[in-house]
Amino acid sequence: MDWLIWGGAVVSFAGLAGLVWCIARVWRARGQNLSDEELRDIVRKMVPLNLGALMLSVIGLMAVIMGIFLG
């Protein structure tokens, strides 16, 4: 079950990288002194990507836990 643990770790890391990217993107947008509507538009676009990255991270962690339980 090592492949499940390592595969889950890779998937979880990819999700974590996506979360960090979403945070950095919104942080940069806040620092650009955009109008309120432009900032809302950027945040609105990032929400689905943020949720997808979070789901990917959770699925990876579930795979790691299943690999530990089954191994």
Protein backbone atom coordinates (compact mmCIF):
# COMPACT_ATOMS: atom_id res chain seq x y z
CA MET A 1 0.00 0.00 0.00
CA ASP A 2 3.00 2.28 -0.27
CA TRP A 3 1.79 3.45 -3.67
CA LEU A 4 -1.48 4.64 -2.11
CA ILE A 5 0.37 6.57 0.59
CA TRP A 6 2.84 8.19 -1.80
CA GLY A 7 0.20 8.84 -4.46
CA GLY A 8 -2.04 10.44 -1.87
CA ALA A 9 0.84 12.55 -0.63
CA VAL A 10 1.50 13.81 -4.16
CA VAL A 11 -2.18 14.62 -4.71
CA SER A 12 -2.39 16.34 -1.33
CA PHE A 13 0.72 18.37 -2.09
CA ALA A 14 -0.77 19.44 -5.43
CA GLY A 15 -3.90 20.61 -3.61
CA LEU A 16 -1.80 22.48 -1.08
CA ALA A 17 0.14 24.16 -3.88
CA GLY A 18 -3.18 25.21 -5.43
CA LEU A 19 -4.32 26.70 -2.14
CA VAL A 20 -1.08 28.66 -1.77
CA TRP A 21 -1.42 29.90 -5.36
CA CYS A 22 -5.00 31.09 -4.69
CA ILE A 23 -3.91 32.92 -1.56
CA ALA A 24 -0.98 34.55 -3.35
CA ARG A 25 -3.18 35.63 -6.28
CA VAL A 26 -5.72 37.36 -4.05
CA TRP A 27 -2.98 38.87 -1.89
CA ARG A 28 -1.32 40.39 -4.96
CA ALA A 29 -4.67 41.74 -6.14
CA ARG A 30 -5.23 43.40 -2.77
CA GLY A 31 -1.86 45.12 -3.05
CA GLN A 32 -2.60 46.60 -6.48
CA ASN A 33 -5.10 49.19 -5.19
CA LEU A 34 -7.86 47.96 -7.49
CA SER A 35 -11.40 49.22 -7.27
CA ASP A 36 -13.80 47.33 -5.05
CA GLU A 37 -15.62 45.80 -8.01
CA GLU A 38 -12.40 44.61 -9.69
CA LEU A 39 -11.19 43.03 -6.45
CA ARG A 40 -14.55 41.30 -5.97
CA ASP A 41 -14.34 39.98 -9.53
CA ILE A 42 -10.90 38.46 -8.88
CA VAL A 43 -12.03 36.91 -5.61
CA ARG A 44 -15.19 35.60 -7.30
CA LYS A 45 -13.03 33.86 -9.92
CA MET A 46 -10.72 32.38 -7.30
CA VAL A 47 -13.42 30.80 -5.12
CA PRO A 48 -14.06 27.75 -7.37
CA LEU A 49 -10.33 27.21 -7.83
CA ASN A 50 -9.80 27.47 -4.09
CA LEU A 51 -12.54 24.94 -3.39
CA GLY A 52 -11.16 22.59 -6.04
CA ALA A 53 -7.68 22.77 -4.55
CA LEU A 54 -9.11 22.14 -1.09
CA MET A 55 -11.03 19.10 -2.37
CA LEU A 56 -7.89 17.77 -4.07
CA SER A 57 -5.96 18.14 -0.84
CA VAL A 58 -8.66 16.35 1.16
CA ILE A 59 -8.83 13.48 -1.34
CA GLY A 60 -5.05 13.11 -1.12
CA LEU A 61 -5.15 13.03 2.66
CA MET A 62 -7.92 10.42 2.57
CA ALA A 63 -5.77 8.29 0.27
CA VAL A 64 -2.84 8.57 2.68
CA ILE A 65 -5.01 7.53 5.61
CA MET A 66 -6.49 4.61 3.67
CA GLY A 67 -3.00 3.50 2.69
CA ILE A 68 -1.90 3.57 6.33
CA PHE A 69 -4.98 1.65 7.49
CA LEU A 70 -4.71 -0.98 4.76
CA GLY A 71 -0.93 -1.29 4.97
